[in-house]
Amino acid sequence: MKTEMIRLPAMSSYKILDYVWLALMVMTLASAFLAESAEPSLLVTLLIAVTIGLKGRLVVDRFMELKNAHPYIRFAMNFYFYMLPLVILLVFLFPEFIADITRLKR
C-alpha cells in the first residue's frame, strides 16, 4: 500500500500579508476595546502587554522583512518588542517605585 502526500496549493506572500494585516487590526481593536471597557487589573495589563509583543514580532518579521536581516538588527528590534511589554507590566506592578526613580527633583 502506497501512501500519497496531499499537496495543498502554496499561499502567495501577498495573501499571507493580508492575513497578518487582518490579525494585526483585530488585535489592535481587541486591545483598545479591552483597555477602554475593562477595569484596570493585572490580567488586562498582561493581555495587552502580550498583544504588544505579538504585534511587534509580526511587524518585524512580515512588514519590516527583518527575518533575513543581520542578526544584530533583528535582535535589537525583537529585544525592543520583548522589553516594552515587560516595562508596561513593571509600571503597573510598581507604580510608586517607578515614579520615584524617574522623578527629576527629589
PDB file of N, CA and C in Angstrom:
ATOM      1  N   MET A   1       0.833  -1.173   0.000  1.00  0.00           N
ATOM      2  CA  MET A   1       0.000   0.000   0.000  1.00  0.00           C
ATOM      3  C   MET A   1       0.882   1.241   0.000  1.00  0.00           C
ATOM      4  N   LYS A   2       0.668   2.106  -0.935  1.00  0.00           N
ATOM      5  CA  LYS A   2       1.487   3.301  -1.074  1.00  0.00           C
ATOM      6  C   LYS A   2       0.707   4.500  -0.526  1.00  0.00           C
ATOM      7  N   THR A   3       1.396   5.246   0.332  1.00  0.00           N
ATOM      8  CA  THR A   3       0.747   6.445   0.869  1.00  0.00           C
ATOM      9  C   THR A   3       1.160   7.637   0.021  1.00  0.00           C
ATOM     10  N   GLU A   4       0.213   8.450  -0.269  1.00  0.00           N
ATOM     11  CA  GLU A   4       0.477   9.646  -1.055  1.00  0.00           C
ATOM     12  C   GLU A   4       0.274  10.878  -0.191  1.00  0.00           C
ATOM     13  N   MET A   5       1.145  11.827  -0.394  1.00  0.00           N
ATOM     14  CA  MET A   5       1.009  13.087   0.321  1.00  0.00           C
ATOM     15  C   MET A   5       0.082  13.999  -0.465  1.00  0.00           C
ATOM     16  N   ILE A   6      -0.798  14.609   0.251  1.00  0.00           N
ATOM     17  CA  ILE A   6      -1.687  15.582  -0.385  1.00  0.00           C
ATOM     18  C   ILE A   6      -0.995  16.931  -0.343  1.00  0.00           C
ATOM     19  N   ARG A   7      -0.822  17.527  -1.475  1.00  0.00           N
ATOM     20  CA  ARG A   7      -0.174  18.833  -1.553  1.00  0.00           C
ATOM     21  C   ARG A   7      -1.235  19.918  -1.674  1.00  0.00           C
ATOM     22  N   LEU A   8      -1.133  20.845  -0.757  1.00  0.00           N
ATOM     23  CA  LEU A   8      -2.033  21.987  -0.806  1.00  0.00           C
ATOM     24  C   LEU A   8      -1.388  23.082  -1.644  1.00  0.00           C
ATOM     25  N   PRO A   9      -2.169  23.876  -2.324  1.00  0.00           N
ATOM     26  CA  PRO A   9      -1.581  24.957  -3.106  1.00  0.00           C
ATOM     27  C   PRO A   9      -0.882  25.957  -2.188  1.00  0.00           C
ATOM     28  N   ALA A  10       0.264  26.430  -2.616  1.00  0.00           N
ATOM     29  CA  ALA A  10       1.024  27.392  -1.822  1.00  0.00           C
ATOM     30  C   ALA A  10       0.288  28.722  -1.779  1.00  0.00           C
ATOM     31  N   MET A  11       0.306  29.319  -0.603  1.00  0.00           N
ATOM     32  CA  MET A  11      -0.344  30.603  -0.445  1.00  0.00           C
ATOM     33  C   MET A  11       0.638  31.691  -0.873  1.00  0.00           C
ATOM     34  N   SER A  12       0.170  32.650  -1.621  1.00  0.00           N
ATOM     35  CA  SER A  12       1.059  33.715  -2.074  1.00  0.00           C
ATOM     36  C   SER A  12       1.477  34.578  -0.889  1.00  0.00           C
ATOM     37  N   SER A  13       2.643  35.195  -1.012  1.00  0.00           N
ATOM     38  CA  SER A  13       3.142  36.031   0.081  1.00  0.00           C
ATOM     39  C   SER A  13       2.230  37.230   0.308  1.00  0.00           C
ATOM     40  N   TYR A  14       1.562  37.699  -0.746  1.00  0.00           N
ATOM     41  CA  TYR A  14       0.637  38.814  -0.575  1.00  0.00           C
ATOM     42  C   TYR A  14      -0.583  38.390   0.234  1.00  0.00           C
ATOM     43  N   LYS A  15      -1.047  37.194   0.023  1.00  0.00           N
ATOM     44  CA  LYS A  15      -2.206  36.698   0.772  1.00  0.00           C
ATOM     45  C   LYS A  15      -1.832  36.525   2.242  1.00  0.00           C
ATOM     46  N   ILE A  16      -0.626  36.039   2.498  1.00  0.00           N
ATOM     47  CA  ILE A  16      -0.159  35.905   3.880  1.00  0.00           C
ATOM     48  C   ILE A  16      -0.092  37.276   4.535  1.00  0.00           C
ATOM     49  N   LEU A  17       0.438  38.271   3.823  1.00  0.00           N
ATOM     50  CA  LEU A  17       0.497  39.630   4.363  1.00  0.00           C
ATOM     51  C   LEU A  17      -0.897  40.171   4.654  1.00  0.00           C
ATOM     52  N   ASP A  18      -1.854  39.844   3.799  1.00  0.00           N
ATOM     53  CA  ASP A  18      -3.233  40.270   4.044  1.00  0.00           C
ATOM     54  C   ASP A  18      -3.753  39.680   5.350  1.00  0.00           C
ATOM     55  N   TYR A  19      -3.498  38.402   5.576  1.00  0.00           N
ATOM     56  CA  TYR A  19      -3.952  37.754   6.806  1.00  0.00           C
ATOM     57  C   TYR A  19      -3.224  38.308   8.034  1.00  0.00           C
ATOM     58  N   VAL A  20      -1.939  38.578   7.894  1.00  0.00           N
ATOM     59  CA  VAL A  20      -1.182  39.157   9.003  1.00  0.00           C
ATOM     60  C   VAL A  20      -1.717  40.550   9.317  1.00  0.00           C
ATOM     61  N   TRP A  21      -1.970  41.345   8.273  1.00  0.00           N
ATOM     62  CA  TRP A  21      -2.525  42.681   8.483  1.00  0.00           C
ATOM     63  C   TRP A  21      -3.880  42.586   9.177  1.00  0.00           C
ATOM     64  N   LEU A  22      -4.711  41.660   8.753  1.00  0.00           N
ATOM     65  CA  LEU A  22      -6.017  41.479   9.376  1.00  0.00           C
ATOM     66  C   LEU A  22      -5.863  41.080  10.848  1.00  0.00           C
ATOM     67  N   ALA A  23      -4.940  40.192  11.130  1.00  0.00           N
ATOM     68  CA  ALA A  23      -4.691  39.783  12.515  1.00  0.00           C
ATOM     69  C   ALA A  23      -4.216  40.967  13.355  1.00  0.00           C
ATOM     70  N   LEU A  24      -3.349  41.802  12.784  1.00  0.00           N
ATOM     71  CA  LEU A  24      -2.884  42.994  13.496  1.00  0.00           C
ATOM     72  C   LEU A  24      -4.038  43.939  13.806  1.00  0.00           C
ATOM     73  N   MET A  25      -4.931  44.125  12.848  1.00  0.00           N
ATOM     74  CA  MET A  25      -6.083  45.005  13.063  1.00  0.00           C
ATOM     75  C   MET A  25      -7.010  44.449  14.134  1.00  0.00           C
ATOM     76  N   VAL A  26      -7.259  43.143  14.093  1.00  0.00           N
ATOM     77  CA  VAL A  26      -8.126  42.524  15.098  1.00  0.00           C
ATOM     78  C   VAL A  26      -7.501  42.652  16.488  1.00  0.00           C
ATOM     79  N   MET A  27      -6.197  42.388  16.595  1.00  0.00           N
ATOM     80  CA  MET A  27      -5.534  42.518  17.898  1.00  0.00           C
ATOM     81  C   MET A  27      -5.554  43.956  18.395  1.00  0.00           C
ATOM     82  N   THR A  28      -5.372  44.919  17.492  1.00  0.00           N
ATOM     83  CA  THR A  28      -5.397  46.323  17.885  1.00  0.00           C
ATOM     84  C   THR A  28      -6.777  46.719  18.387  1.00  0.00           C
ATOM     85  N   LEU A  29      -7.813  46.362  17.651  1.00  0.00           N
ATOM     86  CA  LEU A  29      -9.169  46.708  18.066  1.00  0.00           C
ATOM     87  C   LEU A  29      -9.564  45.996  19.367  1.00  0.00           C
ATOM     88  N   ALA A  30      -9.175  44.740  19.499  1.00  0.00           N
ATOM     89  CA  ALA A  30      -9.485  43.995  20.726  1.00  0.00           C
ATOM     90  C   ALA A  30      -8.772  44.610  21.929  1.00  0.00           C
ATOM     91  N   SER A  31      -7.520  44.999  21.754  1.00  0.00           N
ATOM     92  CA  SER A  31      -6.772  45.629  22.846  1.00  0.00           C
ATOM     93  C   SER A  31      -7.388  46.968  23.227  1.00  0.00           C
ATOM     94  N   ALA A  32      -7.747  47.759  22.231  1.00  0.00           N
ATOM     95  CA  ALA A  32      -8.353  49.058  22.502  1.00  0.00           C
ATOM     96  C   ALA A  32      -9.683  48.892  23.227  1.00  0.00           C
ATOM     97  N   PHE A  33     -10.506  47.954  22.774  1.00  0.00           N
ATOM     98  CA  PHE A  33     -11.789  47.698  23.431  1.00  0.00           C
ATOM     99  C   PHE A  33     -11.578  47.233  24.866  1.00  0.00           C
ATOM    100  N   LEU A  34     -10.640  46.314  25.056  1.00  0.00           N
ATOM    101  CA  LEU A  34     -10.358  45.792  26.392  1.00  0.00           C
ATOM    102  C   LEU A  34      -9.845  46.890  27.313  1.00  0.00           C
ATOM    103  N   ALA A  35      -8.939  47.717  26.823  1.00  0.00           N
ATOM    104  CA  ALA A  35      -8.364  48.787  27.640  1.00  0.00           C
ATOM    105  C   ALA A  35      -9.410  49.829  28.026  1.00  0.00           C
ATOM    106  N   GLU A  36     -10.346  50.098  27.135  1.00  0.00           N
ATOM    107  CA  GLU A  36     -11.351  51.113  27.404  1.00  0.00           C
ATOM    108  C   GLU A  36     -12.524  50.602  28.232  1.00  0.00           C
ATOM    109  N   SER A  37     -12.828  49.322  28.157  1.00  0.00           N
ATOM    110  CA  SER A  37     -14.043  48.833  28.803  1.00  0.00           C
ATOM    111  C   SER A  37     -13.781  48.088  30.111  1.00  0.00           C
ATOM    112  N   ALA A  38     -12.631  47.519  30.285  1.00  0.00           N
ATOM    113  CA  ALA A  38     -12.364  46.705  31.473  1.00  0.00           C
ATOM    114  C   ALA A  38     -11.758  47.558  32.581  1.00  0.00           C
ATOM    115  N   GLU A  39     -11.963  47.108  33.804  1.00  0.00           N
ATOM    116  CA  GLU A  39     -11.319  47.747  34.943  1.00  0.00           C
ATOM    117  C   GLU A  39      -9.826  47.401  34.910  1.00  0.00           C
ATOM    118  N   PRO A  40      -8.979  48.357  35.267  1.00  0.00           N
ATOM    119  CA  PRO A  40      -7.535  48.061  35.277  1.00  0.00           C
ATOM    120  C   PRO A  40      -7.223  46.901  36.233  1.00  0.00           C
ATOM    121  N   SER A  41      -6.533  45.925  35.726  1.00  0.00           N
ATOM    122  CA  SER A  41      -6.127  44.782  36.550  1.00  0.00           C
ATOM    123  C   SER A  41      -4.867  44.180  35.948  1.00  0.00           C
ATOM    124  N   LEU A  42      -4.260  43.297  36.689  1.00  0.00           N
ATOM    125  CA  LEU A  42      -3.048  42.638  36.197  1.00  0.00           C
ATOM    126  C   LEU A  42      -3.349  41.806  34.959  1.00  0.00           C
ATOM    127  N   LEU A  43      -4.490  41.128  34.942  1.00  0.00           N
ATOM    128  CA  LEU A  43      -4.851  40.291  33.795  1.00  0.00           C
ATOM    129  C   LEU A  43      -5.023  41.133  32.529  1.00  0.00           C
ATOM    130  N   VAL A  44      -5.718  42.243  32.639  1.00  0.00           N
ATOM    131  CA  VAL A  44      -5.921  43.123  31.477  1.00  0.00           C
ATOM    132  C   VAL A  44      -4.582  43.664  30.995  1.00  0.00           C
ATOM    133  N   THR A  45      -3.746  44.113  31.923  1.00  0.00           N
ATOM    134  CA  THR A  45      -2.428  44.631  31.554  1.00  0.00           C
ATOM    135  C   THR A  45      -1.569  43.551  30.916  1.00  0.00           C
ATOM    136  N   LEU A  46      -1.637  42.347  31.449  1.00  0.00           N
ATOM    137  CA  LEU A  46      -0.877  41.229  30.889  1.00  0.00           C
ATOM    138  C   LEU A  46      -1.345  40.900  29.474  1.00  0.00           C
ATOM    139  N   LEU A  47      -2.652  40.858  29.257  1.00  0.00           N
ATOM    140  CA  LEU A  47      -3.179  40.581  27.914  1.00  0.00           C
ATOM    141  C   LEU A  47      -2.740  41.643  26.903  1.00  0.00           C
ATOM    142  N   ILE A  48      -2.792  42.888  27.302  1.00  0.00           N
ATOM    143  CA  ILE A  48      -2.383  43.956  26.392  1.00  0.00           C
ATOM    144  C   ILE A  48      -0.875  43.906  26.140  1.00  0.00           C
ATOM    145  N   ALA A  49      -0.091  43.607  27.172  1.00  0.00           N
ATOM    146  CA  ALA A  49       1.363  43.510  27.000  1.00  0.00           C
ATOM    147  C   ALA A  49       1.729  42.351  26.062  1.00  0.00           C
ATOM    148  N   VAL A  50       1.061  41.217  26.216  1.00  0.00           N
ATOM    149  CA  VAL A  50       1.326  40.076  25.324  1.00  0.00           C
ATOM    150  C   VAL A  50       0.935  40.428  23.892  1.00  0.00           C
ATOM    151  N   THR A  51      -0.175  41.128  23.736  1.00  0.00           N
ATOM    152  CA  THR A  51      -0.605  41.550  22.402  1.00  0.00           C
ATOM    153  C   THR A  51       0.418  42.478  21.762  1.00  0.00           C
ATOM    154  N   ILE A  52       0.982  43.383  22.544  1.00  0.00           N
ATOM    155  CA  ILE A  52       2.020  44.281  22.022  1.00  0.00           C
ATOM    156  C   ILE A  52       3.221  43.479  21.534  1.00  0.00           C
ATOM    157  N   GLY A  53       3.624  42.487  22.317  1.00  0.00           N
ATOM    158  CA  GLY A  53       4.753  41.650  21.910  1.00  0.00           C
ATOM    159  C   GLY A  53       4.474  40.865  20.638  1.00  0.00           C
ATOM    160  N   LEU A  54       3.281  40.286  20.549  1.00  0.00           N
ATOM    161  CA  LEU A  54       2.919  39.528  19.339  1.00  0.00           C
ATOM    162  C   LEU A  54       2.846  40.435  18.115  1.00  0.00           C
ATOM    163  N   LYS A  55       2.228  41.581  18.277  1.00  0.00           N
ATOM    164  CA  LYS A  55       2.125  42.508  17.152  1.00  0.00           C
ATOM    165  C   LYS A  55       3.504  42.979  16.706  1.00  0.00           C
ATOM    166  N   GLY A  56       4.374  43.234  17.669  1.00  0.00           N
ATOM    167  CA  GLY A  56       5.727  43.651  17.327  1.00  0.00           C
ATOM    168  C   GLY A  56       6.465  42.605  16.519  1.00  0.00           C
ATOM    169  N   ARG A  57       6.356  41.342  16.946  1.00  0.00           N
ATOM    170  CA  ARG A  57       7.010  40.266  16.203  1.00  0.00           C
ATOM    171  C   ARG A  57       6.459  40.147  14.794  1.00  0.00           C
ATOM    172  N   LEU A  58       5.137  40.252  14.638  1.00  0.00           N
ATOM    173  CA  LEU A  58       4.543  40.167  13.298  1.00  0.00           C
ATOM    174  C   LEU A  58       5.028  41.302  12.405  1.00  0.00           C
ATOM    175  N   VAL A  59       5.084  42.499  12.951  1.00  0.00           N
ATOM    176  CA  VAL A  59       5.541  43.644  12.153  1.00  0.00           C
ATOM    177  C   VAL A  59       7.004  43.477  11.768  1.00  0.00           C
ATOM    178  N   VAL A  60       7.840  43.066  12.729  1.00  0.00           N
ATOM    179  CA  VAL A  60       9.272  42.886  12.447  1.00  0.00           C
ATOM    180  C   VAL A  60       9.481  41.796  11.401  1.00  0.00           C
ATOM    181  N   ASP A  61       8.798  40.679  11.556  1.00  0.00           N
ATOM    182  CA  ASP A  61       9.018  39.544  10.659  1.00  0.00           C
ATOM    183  C   ASP A  61       8.386  39.727   9.285  1.00  0.00           C
ATOM    184  N   ARG A  62       7.192  40.267   9.237  1.00  0.00           N
ATOM    185  CA  ARG A  62       6.448  40.290   7.979  1.00  0.00           C
ATOM    186  C   ARG A  62       6.520  41.612   7.225  1.00  0.00           C
ATOM    187  N   PHE A  63       6.355  42.730   7.942  1.00  0.00           N
ATOM    188  CA  PHE A  63       6.272  44.002   7.237  1.00  0.00           C
ATOM    189  C   PHE A  63       7.614  44.716   7.128  1.00  0.00           C
ATOM    190  N   MET A  64       8.484  44.538   8.114  1.00  0.00           N
ATOM    191  CA  MET A  64       9.813  45.144   8.028  1.00  0.00           C
ATOM    192  C   MET A  64      10.793  44.219   7.329  1.00  0.00           C
ATOM    193  N   GLU A  65      10.371  42.995   7.091  1.00  0.00           N
ATOM    194  CA  GLU A  65      11.178  41.982   6.403  1.00  0.00           C
ATOM    195  C   GLU A  65      12.556  41.798   7.038  1.00  0.00           C
ATOM    196  N   LEU A  66      12.574  41.690   8.348  1.00  0.00           N
ATOM    197  CA  LEU A  66      13.834  41.508   9.058  1.00  0.00           C
ATOM    198  C   LEU A  66      14.139  40.041   9.358  1.00  0.00           C
ATOM    199  N   LYS A  67      13.348  39.141   8.789  1.00  0.00           N
ATOM    200  CA  LYS A  67      13.598  37.724   9.008  1.00  0.00           C
ATOM    201  C   LYS A  67      14.994  37.320   8.525  1.00  0.00           C
ATOM    202  N   ASN A  68      15.433  37.914   7.439  1.00  0.00           N
ATOM    203  CA  ASN A  68      16.744  37.587   6.876  1.00  0.00           C
ATOM    204  C   ASN A  68      17.749  38.714   7.060  1.00  0.00           C
ATOM    205  N   ALA A  69      17.455  39.649   7.955  1.00  0.00           N
ATOM    206  CA  ALA A  69      18.368  40.772   8.187  1.00  0.00           C
ATOM    207  C   ALA A  69      19.553  40.315   9.036  1.00  0.00           C
ATOM    208  N   HIS A  70      20.496  41.224   9.196  1.00  0.00           N
ATOM    209  CA  HIS A  70      21.655  40.946  10.036  1.00  0.00           C
ATOM    210  C   HIS A  70      21.154  40.588  11.441  1.00  0.00           C
ATOM    211  N   PRO A  71      21.757  39.596  12.074  1.00  0.00           N
ATOM    212  CA  PRO A  71      21.271  39.148  13.387  1.00  0.00           C
ATOM    213  C   PRO A  71      21.225  40.252  14.445  1.00  0.00           C
ATOM    214  N   TYR A  72      22.156  41.196  14.409  1.00  0.00           N
ATOM    215  CA  TYR A  72      22.150  42.275  15.405  1.00  0.00           C
ATOM    216  C   TYR A  72      20.944  43.194  15.237  1.00  0.00           C
ATOM    217  N   ILE A  73      20.604  43.496  14.000  1.00  0.00           N
ATOM    218  CA  ILE A  73      19.443  44.350  13.748  1.00  0.00           C
ATOM    219  C   ILE A  73      18.176  43.632  14.181  1.00  0.00           C
ATOM    220  N   ARG A  74      18.066  42.386  13.807  1.00  0.00           N
ATOM    221  CA  ARG A  74      16.892  41.600  14.187  1.00  0.00           C
ATOM    222  C   ARG A  74      16.800  41.458  15.700  1.00  0.00           C
ATOM    223  N   PHE A  75      17.930  41.218  16.356  1.00  0.00           N
ATOM    224  CA  PHE A  75      17.944  41.105  17.813  1.00  0.00           C
ATOM    225  C   PHE A  75      17.492  42.409  18.463  1.00  0.00           C
ATOM    226  N   ALA A  76      17.991  43.536  17.975  1.00  0.00           N
ATOM    227  CA  ALA A  76      17.627  44.834  18.558  1.00  0.00           C
ATOM    228  C   ALA A  76      16.125  45.094  18.451  1.00  0.00           C
ATOM    229  N   MET A  77      15.559  44.810  17.302  1.00  0.00           N
ATOM    230  CA  MET A  77      14.125  45.036  17.122  1.00  0.00           C
ATOM    231  C   MET A  77      13.301  44.081  17.989  1.00  0.00           C
ATOM    232  N   ASN A  78      13.672  42.821  18.015  1.00  0.00           N
ATOM    233  CA  ASN A  78      12.946  41.861  18.845  1.00  0.00           C
ATOM    234  C   ASN A  78      13.108  42.178  20.330  1.00  0.00           C
ATOM    235  N   PHE A  79      14.303  42.609  20.722  1.00  0.00           N
ATOM    236  CA  PHE A  79      14.555  42.985  22.109  1.00  0.00           C
ATOM    237  C   PHE A  79      13.619  44.110  22.535  1.00  0.00           C
ATOM    238  N   TYR A  80      13.450  45.101  21.668  1.00  0.00           N
ATOM    239  CA  TYR A  80      12.551  46.216  21.954  1.00  0.00           C
ATOM    240  C   TYR A  80      11.129  45.709  22.193  1.00  0.00           C
ATOM    241  N   PHE A  81      10.655  44.822  21.334  1.00  0.00           N
ATOM    242  CA  PHE A  81       9.282  44.353  21.459  1.00  0.00           C
ATOM    243  C   PHE A  81       9.103  43.319  22.565  1.00  0.00           C
ATOM    244  N   TYR A  82      10.203  42.813  23.137  1.00  0.00           N
ATOM    245  CA  TYR A  82      10.093  41.979  24.327  1.00  0.00           C
ATOM    246  C   TYR A  82      10.203  42.824  25.591  1.00  0.00           C
ATOM    247  N   MET A  83      11.014  43.879  25.533  1.00  0.00           N
ATOM    248  CA  MET A  83      11.209  44.711  26.715  1.00  0.00           C
ATOM    249  C   MET A  83      10.038  45.659  26.962  1.00  0.00           C
ATOM    250  N   LEU A  84       9.433  46.180  25.913  1.00  0.00           N
ATOM    251  CA  LEU A  84       8.323  47.115  26.086  1.00  0.00           C
ATOM    252  C   LEU A  84       7.177  46.491  26.894  1.00  0.00           C
ATOM    253  N   PRO A  85       6.706  45.289  26.573  1.00  0.00           N
ATOM    254  CA  PRO A  85       5.658  44.693  27.415  1.00  0.00           C
ATOM    255  C   PRO A  85       6.114  44.458  28.851  1.00  0.00           C
ATOM    256  N   LEU A  86       7.383  44.105  29.029  1.00  0.00           N
ATOM    257  CA  LEU A  86       7.898  43.901  30.376  1.00  0.00           C
ATOM    258  C   LEU A  86       7.879  45.203  31.166  1.00  0.00           C
ATOM    259  N   VAL A  87       8.279  46.294  30.543  1.00  0.00           N
ATOM    260  CA  VAL A  87       8.265  47.600  31.207  1.00  0.00           C
ATOM    261  C   VAL A  87       6.824  48.003  31.545  1.00  0.00           C
ATOM    262  N   ILE A  88       5.900  47.751  30.648  1.00  0.00           N
ATOM    263  CA  ILE A  88       4.490  48.053  30.915  1.00  0.00           C
ATOM    264  C   ILE A  88       4.018  47.297  32.157  1.00  0.00           C
ATOM    265  N   LEU A  89       4.366  46.023  32.250  1.00  0.00           N
ATOM    266  CA  LEU A  89       3.974  45.236  33.429  1.00  0.00           C
ATOM    267  C   LEU A  89       4.638  45.744  34.705  1.00  0.00           C
ATOM    268  N   LEU A  90       5.910  46.107  34.617  1.00  0.00           N
ATOM    269  CA  LEU A  90       6.606  46.629  35.794  1.00  0.00           C
ATOM    270  C   LEU A  90       5.992  47.936  36.268  1.00  0.00           C
ATOM    271  N   VAL A  91       5.623  48.808  35.354  1.00  0.00           N
ATOM    272  CA  VAL A  91       4.993  50.075  35.732  1.00  0.00           C
ATOM    273  C   VAL A  91       3.634  49.816  36.380  1.00  0.00           C
ATOM    274  N   PHE A  92       2.901  48.837  35.893  1.00  0.00           N
ATOM    275  CA  PHE A  92       1.615  48.504  36.510  1.00  0.00           C
ATOM    276  C   PHE A  92       1.812  47.933  37.917  1.00  0.00           C
ATOM    277  N   LEU A  93       2.816  47.073  38.077  1.00  0.00           N
ATOM    278  CA  LEU A  93       3.026  46.409  39.364  1.00  0.00           C
ATOM    279  C   LEU A  93       3.681  47.306  40.412  1.00  0.00           C
ATOM    280  N   PHE A  94       4.578  48.197  39.988  1.00  0.00           N
ATOM    281  CA  PHE A  94       5.341  49.027  40.926  1.00  0.00           C
ATOM    282  C   PHE A  94       5.269  50.502  40.526  1.00  0.00           C
ATOM    283  N   PRO A  95       4.085  51.107  40.503  1.00  0.00           N
ATOM    284  CA  PRO A  95       3.976  52.482  40.002  1.00  0.00           C
ATOM    285  C   PRO A  95       4.700  53.512  40.877  1.00  0.00           C
ATOM    286  N   GLU A  96       4.621  53.379  42.210  1.00  0.00           N
ATOM    287  CA  GLU A  96       5.261  54.365  43.092  1.00  0.00           C
ATOM    288  C   GLU A  96       6.782  54.292  42.969  1.00  0.00           C
ATOM    289  N   PHE A  97       7.304  53.077  42.924  1.00  0.00           N
ATOM    290  CA  PHE A  97       8.750  52.915  42.809  1.00  0.00           C
ATOM    291  C   PHE A  97       9.270  53.487  41.486  1.00  0.00           C
ATOM    292  N   ILE A  98       8.576  53.194  40.389  1.00  0.00           N
ATOM    293  CA  ILE A  98       8.987  53.714  39.078  1.00  0.00           C
ATOM    294  C   ILE A  98       8.904  55.228  39.066  1.00  0.00           C
ATOM    295  N   ALA A  99       7.847  55.791  39.664  1.00  0.00           N
ATOM    296  CA  ALA A  99       7.721  57.252  39.733  1.00  0.00           C
ATOM    297  C   ALA A  99       8.856  57.855  40.547  1.00  0.00           C
ATOM    298  N   ASP A 100       9.236  57.207  41.644  1.00  0.00           N
ATOM    299  CA  ASP A 100      10.323  57.730  42.482  1.00  0.00           C
ATOM    300  C   ASP A 100      11.665  57.713  41.764  1.00  0.00           C
ATOM    301  N   ILE A 101      11.962  56.641  41.056  1.00  0.00           N
ATOM    302  CA  ILE A 101      13.291  56.563  40.424  1.00  0.00           C
ATOM    303  C   ILE A 101      13.375  57.382  39.136  1.00  0.00           C
ATOM    304  N   THR A 102      12.245  57.814  38.601  1.00  0.00           N
ATOM    305  CA  THR A 102      12.279  58.619  37.377  1.00  0.00           C
ATOM    306  C   THR A 102      11.966  60.082  37.618  1.00  0.00           C
ATOM    307  N   ARG A 103      11.773  60.468  38.878  1.00  0.00           N
ATOM    308  CA  ARG A 103      11.487  61.853  39.219  1.00  0.00           C
ATOM    309  C   ARG A 103      12.738  62.703  39.028  1.00  0.00           C
ATOM    310  N   LEU A 104      12.581  63.885  38.428  1.00  0.00           N
ATOM    311  CA  LEU A 104      13.732  64.758  38.217  1.00  0.00           C
ATOM    312  C   LEU A 104      14.186  65.430  39.485  1.00  0.00           C
ATOM    313  N   LYS A 105      13.256  65.936  40.277  1.00  0.00           N
ATOM    314  CA  LYS A 105      13.609  66.587  41.544  1.00  0.00           C
ATOM    315  C   LYS A 105      13.196  65.697  42.702  1.00  0.00           C
ATOM    316  N   ARG A 106      14.066  65.574  43.649  1.00  0.00           N
ATOM    317  CA  ARG A 106      13.773  64.706  44.815  1.00  0.00           C
ATOM    318  C   ARG A 106      13.462  65.528  46.026  1.00  0.00           C
TER     319      ARG A 106
END
